[in-house]
Amino acid sequence: GLGQYETEVDADVNIVDVMRSDSDPA
């Protein structure tokens, strides 16, 4: 996500993981 977002928050943003939701597999 670095450099790929517009923000009003001065923040470091990292995607840790992409997976199916634990609560709903859809």
mmCIF file of all heavy atoms, coordinates in Angstrom:
data_MODEL
# 
_entry.id   MODEL 
# 
loop_
_atom_site.group_PDB 
_atom_site.id 
_atom_site.type_symbol 
_atom_site.label_atom_id 
_atom_site.label_alt_id 
_atom_site.label_comp_id 
_atom_site.label_asym_id 
_atom_site.label_entity_id 
_atom_site.label_seq_id 
_atom_site.pdbx_PDB_ins_code 
_atom_site.Cartn_x 
_atom_site.Cartn_y 
_atom_site.Cartn_z 
_atom_site.occupancy 
_atom_site.B_iso_or_equiv 
_atom_site.pdbx_formal_charge 
_atom_site.auth_seq_id 
_atom_site.auth_comp_id 
_atom_site.auth_asym_id 
_atom_site.auth_atom_id 
_atom_site.pdbx_PDB_model_num 
ATOM 1   N N   . GLY A 1 1  ? 0.785   -1.220  0.000  1.00 0.00 ? 1  GLY A N   1 
ATOM 2   C CA  . GLY A 1 1  ? 0.000   0.000   0.000  1.00 0.00 ? 1  GLY A CA  1 
ATOM 3   C C   . GLY A 1 1  ? 0.816   1.268   0.000  1.00 0.00 ? 1  GLY A C   1 
ATOM 4   O O   . GLY A 1 1  ? 0.270   2.352   -0.126 1.00 0.00 ? 1  GLY A O   1 
ATOM 5   N N   . LEU A 1 2  ? 2.128   1.196   0.142  1.00 0.00 ? 2  LEU A N   1 
ATOM 6   C CA  . LEU A 1 2  ? 2.938   2.405   0.230  1.00 0.00 ? 2  LEU A CA  1 
ATOM 7   C C   . LEU A 1 2  ? 2.873   3.184   -1.080 1.00 0.00 ? 2  LEU A C   1 
ATOM 8   O O   . LEU A 1 2  ? 3.105   2.637   -2.145 1.00 0.00 ? 2  LEU A O   1 
ATOM 9   C CB  . LEU A 1 2  ? 4.386   2.065   0.572  1.00 0.00 ? 2  LEU A CB  1 
ATOM 10  C CG  . LEU A 1 2  ? 4.594   1.439   1.949  1.00 0.00 ? 2  LEU A CG  1 
ATOM 11  C CD1 . LEU A 1 2  ? 6.049   1.085   2.162  1.00 0.00 ? 2  LEU A CD1 1 
ATOM 12  C CD2 . LEU A 1 2  ? 4.121   2.378   3.045  1.00 0.00 ? 2  LEU A CD2 1 
ATOM 13  N N   . GLY A 1 3  ? 2.527   4.454   -0.977 1.00 0.00 ? 3  GLY A N   1 
ATOM 14  C CA  . GLY A 1 3  ? 2.440   5.298   -2.156 1.00 0.00 ? 3  GLY A CA  1 
ATOM 15  C C   . GLY A 1 3  ? 1.194   5.066   -2.975 1.00 0.00 ? 3  GLY A C   1 
ATOM 16  O O   . GLY A 1 3  ? 1.042   5.633   -4.048 1.00 0.00 ? 3  GLY A O   1 
ATOM 17  N N   . GLN A 1 4  ? 0.285   4.243   -2.498 1.00 0.00 ? 4  GLN A N   1 
ATOM 18  C CA  . GLN A 1 4  ? -0.884  3.887   -3.278 1.00 0.00 ? 4  GLN A CA  1 
ATOM 19  C C   . GLN A 1 4  ? -2.170  4.351   -2.617 1.00 0.00 ? 4  GLN A C   1 
ATOM 20  O O   . GLN A 1 4  ? -3.233  3.832   -2.899 1.00 0.00 ? 4  GLN A O   1 
ATOM 21  C CB  . GLN A 1 4  ? -0.929  2.376   -3.486 1.00 0.00 ? 4  GLN A CB  1 
ATOM 22  C CG  . GLN A 1 4  ? 0.289   1.865   -4.239 1.00 0.00 ? 4  GLN A CG  1 
ATOM 23  C CD  . GLN A 1 4  ? 0.321   0.364   -4.315 1.00 0.00 ? 4  GLN A CD  1 
ATOM 24  O OE1 . GLN A 1 4  ? -0.561  -0.309  -3.810 1.00 0.00 ? 4  GLN A OE1 1 
ATOM 25  N NE2 . GLN A 1 4  ? 1.339   -0.170  -4.945 1.00 0.00 ? 4  GLN A NE2 1 
ATOM 26  N N   . TYR A 1 5  ? -2.070  5.336   -1.740 1.00 0.00 ? 5  TYR A N   1 
ATOM 27  C CA  . TYR A 1 5  ? -3.267  5.796   -1.073 1.00 0.00 ? 5  TYR A CA  1 
ATOM 28  C C   . TYR A 1 5  ? -3.228  7.301   -0.889 1.00 0.00 ? 5  TYR A C   1 
ATOM 29  O O   . TYR A 1 5  ? -2.164  7.892   -0.810 1.00 0.00 ? 5  TYR A O   1 
ATOM 30  C CB  . TYR A 1 5  ? -3.452  5.102   0.287  1.00 0.00 ? 5  TYR A CB  1 
ATOM 31  C CG  . TYR A 1 5  ? -2.305  5.329   1.240  1.00 0.00 ? 5  TYR A CG  1 
ATOM 32  C CD1 . TYR A 1 5  ? -2.362  6.365   2.168  1.00 0.00 ? 5  TYR A CD1 1 
ATOM 33  C CD2 . TYR A 1 5  ? -1.189  4.527   1.213  1.00 0.00 ? 5  TYR A CD2 1 
ATOM 34  C CE1 . TYR A 1 5  ? -1.305  6.591   3.034  1.00 0.00 ? 5  TYR A CE1 1 
ATOM 35  C CE2 . TYR A 1 5  ? -0.126  4.747   2.085  1.00 0.00 ? 5  TYR A CE2 1 
ATOM 36  C CZ  . TYR A 1 5  ? -0.203  5.781   2.988  1.00 0.00 ? 5  TYR A CZ  1 
ATOM 37  O OH  . TYR A 1 5  ? 0.843   5.997   3.841  1.00 0.00 ? 5  TYR A OH  1 
ATOM 38  N N   . GLU A 1 6  ? -4.409  7.885   -0.874 1.00 0.00 ? 6  GLU A N   1 
ATOM 39  C CA  . GLU A 1 6  ? -4.548  9.280   -0.507 1.00 0.00 ? 6  GLU A CA  1 
ATOM 40  C C   . GLU A 1 6  ? -4.976  9.301   0.950  1.00 0.00 ? 6  GLU A C   1 
ATOM 41  O O   . GLU A 1 6  ? -5.757  8.460   1.374  1.00 0.00 ? 6  GLU A O   1 
ATOM 42  C CB  . GLU A 1 6  ? -5.612  9.944   -1.373 1.00 0.00 ? 6  GLU A CB  1 
ATOM 43  C CG  . GLU A 1 6  ? -5.246  9.977   -2.836 1.00 0.00 ? 6  GLU A CG  1 
ATOM 44  C CD  . GLU A 1 6  ? -6.351  10.573  -3.680 1.00 0.00 ? 6  GLU A CD  1 
ATOM 45  O OE1 . GLU A 1 6  ? -7.347  11.031  -3.099 1.00 0.00 ? 6  GLU A OE1 1 
ATOM 46  O OE2 . GLU A 1 6  ? -6.208  10.559  -4.897 1.00 0.00 ? 6  GLU A OE2 1 
ATOM 47  N N   . THR A 1 7  ? -4.470  10.258  1.700  1.00 0.00 ? 7  THR A N   1 
ATOM 48  C CA  . THR A 1 7  ? -4.756  10.210  3.125  1.00 0.00 ? 7  THR A CA  1 
ATOM 49  C C   . THR A 1 7  ? -4.912  11.589  3.724  1.00 0.00 ? 7  THR A C   1 
ATOM 50  O O   . THR A 1 7  ? -4.287  12.544  3.279  1.00 0.00 ? 7  THR A O   1 
ATOM 51  C CB  . THR A 1 7  ? -3.638  9.440   3.864  1.00 0.00 ? 7  THR A CB  1 
ATOM 52  O OG1 . THR A 1 7  ? -3.955  9.399   5.249  1.00 0.00 ? 7  THR A OG1 1 
ATOM 53  C CG2 . THR A 1 7  ? -2.291  10.109  3.679  1.00 0.00 ? 7  THR A CG2 1 
ATOM 54  N N   . GLU A 1 8  ? -5.792  11.677  4.688  1.00 0.00 ? 8  GLU A N   1 
ATOM 55  C CA  . GLU A 1 8  ? -5.869  12.849  5.538  1.00 0.00 ? 8  GLU A CA  1 
ATOM 56  C C   . GLU A 1 8  ? -5.083  12.586  6.810  1.00 0.00 ? 8  GLU A C   1 
ATOM 57  O O   . GLU A 1 8  ? -4.943  13.448  7.651  1.00 0.00 ? 8  GLU A O   1 
ATOM 58  C CB  . GLU A 1 8  ? -7.327  13.148  5.893  1.00 0.00 ? 8  GLU A CB  1 
ATOM 59  C CG  . GLU A 1 8  ? -8.198  13.466  4.693  1.00 0.00 ? 8  GLU A CG  1 
ATOM 60  C CD  . GLU A 1 8  ? -9.662  13.578  5.080  1.00 0.00 ? 8  GLU A CD  1 
ATOM 61  O OE1 . GLU A 1 8  ? -9.963  13.653  6.285  1.00 0.00 ? 8  GLU A OE1 1 
ATOM 62  O OE2 . GLU A 1 8  ? -10.499 13.560  4.181  1.00 0.00 ? 8  GLU A OE2 1 
ATOM 63  N N   . VAL A 1 9  ? -4.602  11.364  6.973  1.00 0.00 ? 9  VAL A N   1 
ATOM 64  C CA  . VAL A 1 9  ? -3.849  10.958  8.142  1.00 0.00 ? 9  VAL A CA  1 
ATOM 65  C C   . VAL A 1 9  ? -2.395  10.796  7.714  1.00 0.00 ? 9  VAL A C   1 
ATOM 66  O O   . VAL A 1 9  ? -2.101  10.077  6.761  1.00 0.00 ? 9  VAL A O   1 
ATOM 67  C CB  . VAL A 1 9  ? -4.379  9.619   8.711  1.00 0.00 ? 9  VAL A CB  1 
ATOM 68  C CG1 . VAL A 1 9  ? -3.572  9.181   9.919  1.00 0.00 ? 9  VAL A CG1 1 
ATOM 69  C CG2 . VAL A 1 9  ? -5.853  9.729   9.059  1.00 0.00 ? 9  VAL A CG2 1 
ATOM 70  N N   . ASP A 1 10 ? -1.481  11.487  8.394  1.00 0.00 ? 10 ASP A N   1 
ATOM 71  C CA  . ASP A 1 10 ? -0.053  11.329  8.121  1.00 0.00 ? 10 ASP A CA  1 
ATOM 72  C C   . ASP A 1 10 ? 0.359   10.015  8.767  1.00 0.00 ? 10 ASP A C   1 
ATOM 73  O O   . ASP A 1 10 ? 0.623   9.953   9.969  1.00 0.00 ? 10 ASP A O   1 
ATOM 74  C CB  . ASP A 1 10 ? 0.721   12.514  8.706  1.00 0.00 ? 10 ASP A CB  1 
ATOM 75  C CG  . ASP A 1 10 ? 2.201   12.429  8.410  1.00 0.00 ? 10 ASP A CG  1 
ATOM 76  O OD1 . ASP A 1 10 ? 2.604   11.582  7.579  1.00 0.00 ? 10 ASP A OD1 1 
ATOM 77  O OD2 . ASP A 1 10 ? 2.963   13.191  9.023  1.00 0.00 ? 10 ASP A OD2 1 
ATOM 78  N N   . ALA A 1 11 ? 0.384   8.946   7.974  1.00 0.00 ? 11 ALA A N   1 
ATOM 79  C CA  . ALA A 1 11 ? 0.518   7.616   8.553  1.00 0.00 ? 11 ALA A CA  1 
ATOM 80  C C   . ALA A 1 11 ? 1.380   6.706   7.701  1.00 0.00 ? 11 ALA A C   1 
ATOM 81  O O   . ALA A 1 11 ? 1.487   6.879   6.486  1.00 0.00 ? 11 ALA A O   1 
ATOM 82  C CB  . ALA A 1 11 ? -0.861  6.986   8.728  1.00 0.00 ? 11 ALA A CB  1 
ATOM 83  N N   . ASP A 1 12 ? 1.992   5.728   8.370  1.00 0.00 ? 12 ASP A N   1 
ATOM 84  C CA  . ASP A 1 12 ? 2.611   4.594   7.687  1.00 0.00 ? 12 ASP A CA  1 
ATOM 85  C C   . ASP A 1 12 ? 1.531   3.522   7.589  1.00 0.00 ? 12 ASP A C   1 
ATOM 86  O O   . ASP A 1 12 ? 0.885   3.199   8.598  1.00 0.00 ? 12 ASP A O   1 
ATOM 87  C CB  . ASP A 1 12 ? 3.795   4.050   8.492  1.00 0.00 ? 12 ASP A CB  1 
ATOM 88  C CG  . ASP A 1 12 ? 4.925   5.048   8.591  1.00 0.00 ? 12 ASP A CG  1 
ATOM 89  O OD1 . ASP A 1 12 ? 5.226   5.712   7.582  1.00 0.00 ? 12 ASP A OD1 1 
ATOM 90  O OD2 . ASP A 1 12 ? 5.517   5.163   9.684  1.00 0.00 ? 12 ASP A OD2 1 
ATOM 91  N N   . VAL A 1 13 ? 1.336   2.972   6.385  1.00 0.00 ? 13 VAL A N   1 
ATOM 92  C CA  . VAL A 1 13 ? 0.279   1.992   6.168  1.00 0.00 ? 13 VAL A CA  1 
ATOM 93  C C   . VAL A 1 13 ? 0.889   0.731   5.559  1.00 0.00 ? 13 VAL A C   1 
ATOM 94  O O   . VAL A 1 13 ? 1.612   0.804   4.567  1.00 0.00 ? 13 VAL A O   1 
ATOM 95  C CB  . VAL A 1 13 ? -0.805  2.550   5.224  1.00 0.00 ? 13 VAL A CB  1 
ATOM 96  C CG1 . VAL A 1 13 ? -1.896  1.517   4.978  1.00 0.00 ? 13 VAL A CG1 1 
ATOM 97  C CG2 . VAL A 1 13 ? -1.403  3.825   5.794  1.00 0.00 ? 13 VAL A CG2 1 
ATOM 98  N N   . ASN A 1 14 ? 0.595   -0.420  6.169  1.00 0.00 ? 14 ASN A N   1 
ATOM 99  C CA  . ASN A 1 14 ? 1.089   -1.694  5.662  1.00 0.00 ? 14 ASN A CA  1 
ATOM 100 C C   . ASN A 1 14 ? -0.021  -2.733  5.686  1.00 0.00 ? 14 ASN A C   1 
ATOM 101 O O   . ASN A 1 14 ? -0.742  -2.848  6.691  1.00 0.00 ? 14 ASN A O   1 
ATOM 102 C CB  . ASN A 1 14 ? 2.259   -2.199  6.506  1.00 0.00 ? 14 ASN A CB  1 
ATOM 103 C CG  . ASN A 1 14 ? 3.477   -1.324  6.377  1.00 0.00 ? 14 ASN A CG  1 
ATOM 104 O OD1 . ASN A 1 14 ? 4.129   -1.326  5.345  1.00 0.00 ? 14 ASN A OD1 1 
ATOM 105 N ND2 . ASN A 1 14 ? 3.764   -0.554  7.412  1.00 0.00 ? 14 ASN A ND2 1 
ATOM 106 N N   . ILE A 1 15 ? -0.146  -3.475  4.596  1.00 0.00 ? 15 ILE A N   1 
ATOM 107 C CA  . ILE A 1 15 ? -1.058  -4.612  4.571  1.00 0.00 ? 15 ILE A CA  1 
ATOM 108 C C   . ILE A 1 15 ? -0.281  -5.820  5.081  1.00 0.00 ? 15 ILE A C   1 
ATOM 109 O O   . ILE A 1 15 ? 0.735   -6.209  4.504  1.00 0.00 ? 15 ILE A O   1 
ATOM 110 C CB  . ILE A 1 15 ? -1.623  -4.865  3.167  1.00 0.00 ? 15 ILE A CB  1 
ATOM 111 C CG1 . ILE A 1 15 ? -2.507  -3.688  2.750  1.00 0.00 ? 15 ILE A CG1 1 
ATOM 112 C CG2 . ILE A 1 15 ? -2.406  -6.172  3.139  1.00 0.00 ? 15 ILE A CG2 1 
ATOM 113 C CD1 . ILE A 1 15 ? -3.121  -3.819  1.368  1.00 0.00 ? 15 ILE A CD1 1 
ATOM 114 N N   . VAL A 1 16 ? -0.757  -6.385  6.174  1.00 0.00 ? 16 VAL A N   1 
ATOM 115 C CA  . VAL A 1 16 ? -0.081  -7.505  6.808  1.00 0.00 ? 16 VAL A CA  1 
ATOM 116 C C   . VAL A 1 16 ? -0.450  -8.812  6.123  1.00 0.00 ? 16 VAL A C   1 
ATOM 117 O O   . VAL A 1 16 ? 0.384   -9.686  5.922  1.00 0.00 ? 16 VAL A O   1 
ATOM 118 C CB  . VAL A 1 16 ? -0.445  -7.572  8.309  1.00 0.00 ? 16 VAL A CB  1 
ATOM 119 C CG1 . VAL A 1 16 ? 0.195   -8.780  8.966  1.00 0.00 ? 16 VAL A CG1 1 
ATOM 120 C CG2 . VAL A 1 16 ? -0.034  -6.286  9.005  1.00 0.00 ? 16 VAL A CG2 1 
ATOM 121 N N   . ASP A 1 17 ? -1.726  -8.962  5.751  1.00 0.00 ? 17 ASP A N   1 
ATOM 122 C CA  . ASP A 1 17 ? -2.190  -10.220 5.158  1.00 0.00 ? 17 ASP A CA  1 
ATOM 123 C C   . ASP A 1 17 ? -3.475  -9.982  4.392  1.00 0.00 ? 17 ASP A C   1 
ATOM 124 O O   . ASP A 1 17 ? -4.201  -9.015  4.656  1.00 0.00 ? 17 ASP A O   1 
ATOM 125 C CB  . ASP A 1 17 ? -2.436  -11.249 6.257  1.00 0.00 ? 17 ASP A CB  1 
ATOM 126 C CG  . ASP A 1 17 ? -2.325  -12.690 5.762  1.00 0.00 ? 17 ASP A CG  1 
ATOM 127 O OD1 . ASP A 1 17 ? -2.168  -12.885 4.533  1.00 0.00 ? 17 ASP A OD1 1 
ATOM 128 O OD2 . ASP A 1 17 ? -2.387  -13.595 6.585  1.00 0.00 ? 17 ASP A OD2 1 
ATOM 129 N N   . VAL A 1 18 ? -3.743  -10.849 3.424  1.00 0.00 ? 18 VAL A N   1 
ATOM 130 C CA  . VAL A 1 18 ? -5.017  -10.893 2.703  1.00 0.00 ? 18 VAL A CA  1 
ATOM 131 C C   . VAL A 1 18 ? -5.495  -12.330 2.763  1.00 0.00 ? 18 VAL A C   1 
ATOM 132 O O   . VAL A 1 18 ? -4.765  -13.243 2.382  1.00 0.00 ? 18 VAL A O   1 
ATOM 133 C CB  . VAL A 1 18 ? -4.867  -10.443 1.232  1.00 0.00 ? 18 VAL A CB  1 
ATOM 134 C CG1 . VAL A 1 18 ? -6.211  -10.517 0.512  1.00 0.00 ? 18 VAL A CG1 1 
ATOM 135 C CG2 . VAL A 1 18 ? -4.306  -9.033  1.154  1.00 0.00 ? 18 VAL A CG2 1 
ATOM 136 N N   . MET A 1 19 ? -6.699  -12.536 3.294  1.00 0.00 ? 19 MET A N   1 
ATOM 137 C CA  . MET A 1 19 ? -7.188  -13.892 3.524  1.00 0.00 ? 19 MET A CA  1 
ATOM 138 C C   . MET A 1 19 ? -8.709  -13.911 3.483  1.00 0.00 ? 19 MET A C   1 
ATOM 139 O O   . MET A 1 19 ? -9.342  -12.865 3.341  1.00 0.00 ? 19 MET A O   1 
ATOM 140 C CB  . MET A 1 19 ? -6.716  -14.380 4.888  1.00 0.00 ? 19 MET A CB  1 
ATOM 141 C CG  . MET A 1 19 ? -7.305  -13.559 6.045  1.00 0.00 ? 19 MET A CG  1 
ATOM 142 S SD  . MET A 1 19 ? -6.624  -13.973 7.653  1.00 0.00 ? 19 MET A SD  1 
ATOM 143 C CE  . MET A 1 19 ? -5.261  -12.840 7.688  1.00 0.00 ? 19 MET A CE  1 
ATOM 144 N N   . ARG A 1 20 ? -9.268  -15.094 3.614  1.00 0.00 ? 20 ARG A N   1 
ATOM 145 C CA  . ARG A 1 20 ? -10.715 -15.195 3.818  1.00 0.00 ? 20 ARG A CA  1 
ATOM 146 C C   . ARG A 1 20 ? -11.038 -14.776 5.234  1.00 0.00 ? 20 ARG A C   1 
ATOM 147 O O   . ARG A 1 20 ? -10.274 -15.014 6.155  1.00 0.00 ? 20 ARG A O   1 
ATOM 148 C CB  . ARG A 1 20 ? -11.197 -16.620 3.591  1.00 0.00 ? 20 ARG A CB  1 
ATOM 149 C CG  . ARG A 1 20 ? -11.311 -16.983 2.149  1.00 0.00 ? 20 ARG A CG  1 
ATOM 150 C CD  . ARG A 1 20 ? -12.056 -18.277 1.987  1.00 0.00 ? 20 ARG A CD  1 
ATOM 151 N NE  . ARG A 1 20 ? -12.211 -18.594 0.582  1.00 0.00 ? 20 ARG A NE  1 
ATOM 152 C CZ  . ARG A 1 20 ? -12.874 -19.645 0.140  1.00 0.00 ? 20 ARG A CZ  1 
ATOM 153 N NH1 . ARG A 1 20 ? -13.414 -20.480 0.993  1.00 0.00 ? 20 ARG A NH1 1 
ATOM 154 N NH2 . ARG A 1 20 ? -12.976 -19.858 -1.140 1.00 0.00 ? 20 ARG A NH2 1 
ATOM 155 N N   . SER A 1 21 ? -12.200 -14.155 5.390  1.00 0.00 ? 21 SER A N   1 
ATOM 156 C CA  . SER A 1 21 ? -12.636 -13.730 6.714  1.00 0.00 ? 21 SER A CA  1 
ATOM 157 C C   . SER A 1 21 ? -12.875 -14.934 7.614  1.00 0.00 ? 21 SER A C   1 
ATOM 158 O O   . SER A 1 21 ? -13.384 -15.968 7.171  1.00 0.00 ? 21 SER A O   1 
ATOM 159 C CB  . SER A 1 21 ? -13.931 -12.918 6.587  1.00 0.00 ? 21 SER A CB  1 
ATOM 160 O OG  . SER A 1 21 ? -14.508 -12.729 7.853  1.00 0.00 ? 21 SER A OG  1 
ATOM 161 N N   . ASP A 1 22 ? -12.509 -14.790 8.880  1.00 0.00 ? 22 ASP A N   1 
ATOM 162 C CA  . ASP A 1 22 ? -12.774 -15.854 9.852  1.00 0.00 ? 22 ASP A CA  1 
ATOM 163 C C   . ASP A 1 22 ? -14.264 -15.983 10.136 1.00 0.00 ? 22 ASP A C   1 
ATOM 164 O O   . ASP A 1 22 ? -14.768 -17.060 10.407 1.00 0.00 ? 22 ASP A O   1 
ATOM 165 C CB  . ASP A 1 22 ? -12.054 -15.554 11.173 1.00 0.00 ? 22 ASP A CB  1 
ATOM 166 C CG  . ASP A 1 22 ? -10.549 -15.640 11.034 1.00 0.00 ? 22 ASP A CG  1 
ATOM 167 O OD1 . ASP A 1 22 ? -10.079 -16.347 10.130 1.00 0.00 ? 22 ASP A OD1 1 
ATOM 168 O OD2 . ASP A 1 22 ? -9.856  -14.990 11.830 1.00 0.00 ? 22 ASP A OD2 1 
ATOM 169 N N   . SER A 1 23 ? -14.987 -14.855 10.064 1.00 0.00 ? 23 SER A N   1 
ATOM 170 C CA  . SER A 1 23 ? -16.393 -14.859 10.451 1.00 0.00 ? 23 SER A CA  1 
ATOM 171 C C   . SER A 1 23 ? -17.326 -15.284 9.317  1.00 0.00 ? 23 SER A C   1 
ATOM 172 O O   . SER A 1 23 ? -18.407 -15.786 9.572  1.00 0.00 ? 23 SER A O   1 
ATOM 173 C CB  . SER A 1 23 ? -16.816 -13.476 10.947 1.00 0.00 ? 23 SER A CB  1 
ATOM 174 O OG  . SER A 1 23 ? -16.593 -12.506 9.943  1.00 0.00 ? 23 SER A OG  1 
ATOM 175 N N   . ASP A 1 24 ? -16.919 -15.088 8.044  1.00 0.00 ? 24 ASP A N   1 
ATOM 176 C CA  . ASP A 1 24 ? -17.773 -15.438 6.913  1.00 0.00 ? 24 ASP A CA  1 
ATOM 177 C C   . ASP A 1 24 ? -16.896 -15.745 5.710  1.00 0.00 ? 24 ASP A C   1 
ATOM 178 O O   . ASP A 1 24 ? -16.246 -14.850 5.161  1.00 0.00 ? 24 ASP A O   1 
ATOM 179 C CB  . ASP A 1 24 ? -18.716 -14.278 6.592  1.00 0.00 ? 24 ASP A CB  1 
ATOM 180 C CG  . ASP A 1 24 ? -19.766 -14.633 5.555  1.00 0.00 ? 24 ASP A CG  1 
ATOM 181 O OD1 . ASP A 1 24 ? -19.533 -15.579 4.764  1.00 0.00 ? 24 ASP A OD1 1 
ATOM 182 O OD2 . ASP A 1 24 ? -20.807 -13.978 5.520  1.00 0.00 ? 24 ASP A OD2 1 
ATOM 183 N N   . PRO A 1 25 ? -16.867 -17.006 5.240  1.00 0.00 ? 25 PRO A N   1 
ATOM 184 C CA  . PRO A 1 25 ? -15.991 -17.388 4.126  1.00 0.00 ? 25 PRO A CA  1 
ATOM 185 C C   . PRO A 1 25 ? -16.349 -16.722 2.788  1.00 0.00 ? 25 PRO A C   1 
ATOM 186 O O   . PRO A 1 25 ? -15.563 -16.784 1.858  1.00 0.00 ? 25 PRO A O   1 
ATOM 187 C CB  . PRO A 1 25 ? -16.144 -18.906 4.043  1.00 0.00 ? 25 PRO A CB  1 
ATOM 188 C CG  . PRO A 1 25 ? -17.415 -19.208 4.747  1.00 0.00 ? 25 PRO A CG  1 
ATOM 189 C CD  . PRO A 1 25 ? -17.605 -18.143 5.783  1.00 0.00 ? 25 PRO A CD  1 
ATOM 190 N N   . ALA A 1 26 ? -17.505 -16.066 2.708  1.00 0.00 ? 26 ALA A N   1 
ATOM 191 C CA  . ALA A 1 26 ? -17.871 -15.347 1.488  1.00 0.00 ? 26 ALA A CA  1 
ATOM 192 C C   . ALA A 1 26 ? -17.179 -13.989 1.409  1.00 0.00 ? 26 ALA A C   1 
ATOM 193 O O   . ALA A 1 26 ? -17.275 -13.293 0.404  1.00 0.00 ? 26 ALA A O   1 
ATOM 194 C CB  . ALA A 1 26 ? -19.380 -15.168 1.403  1.00 0.00 ? 26 ALA A CB  1 
# 
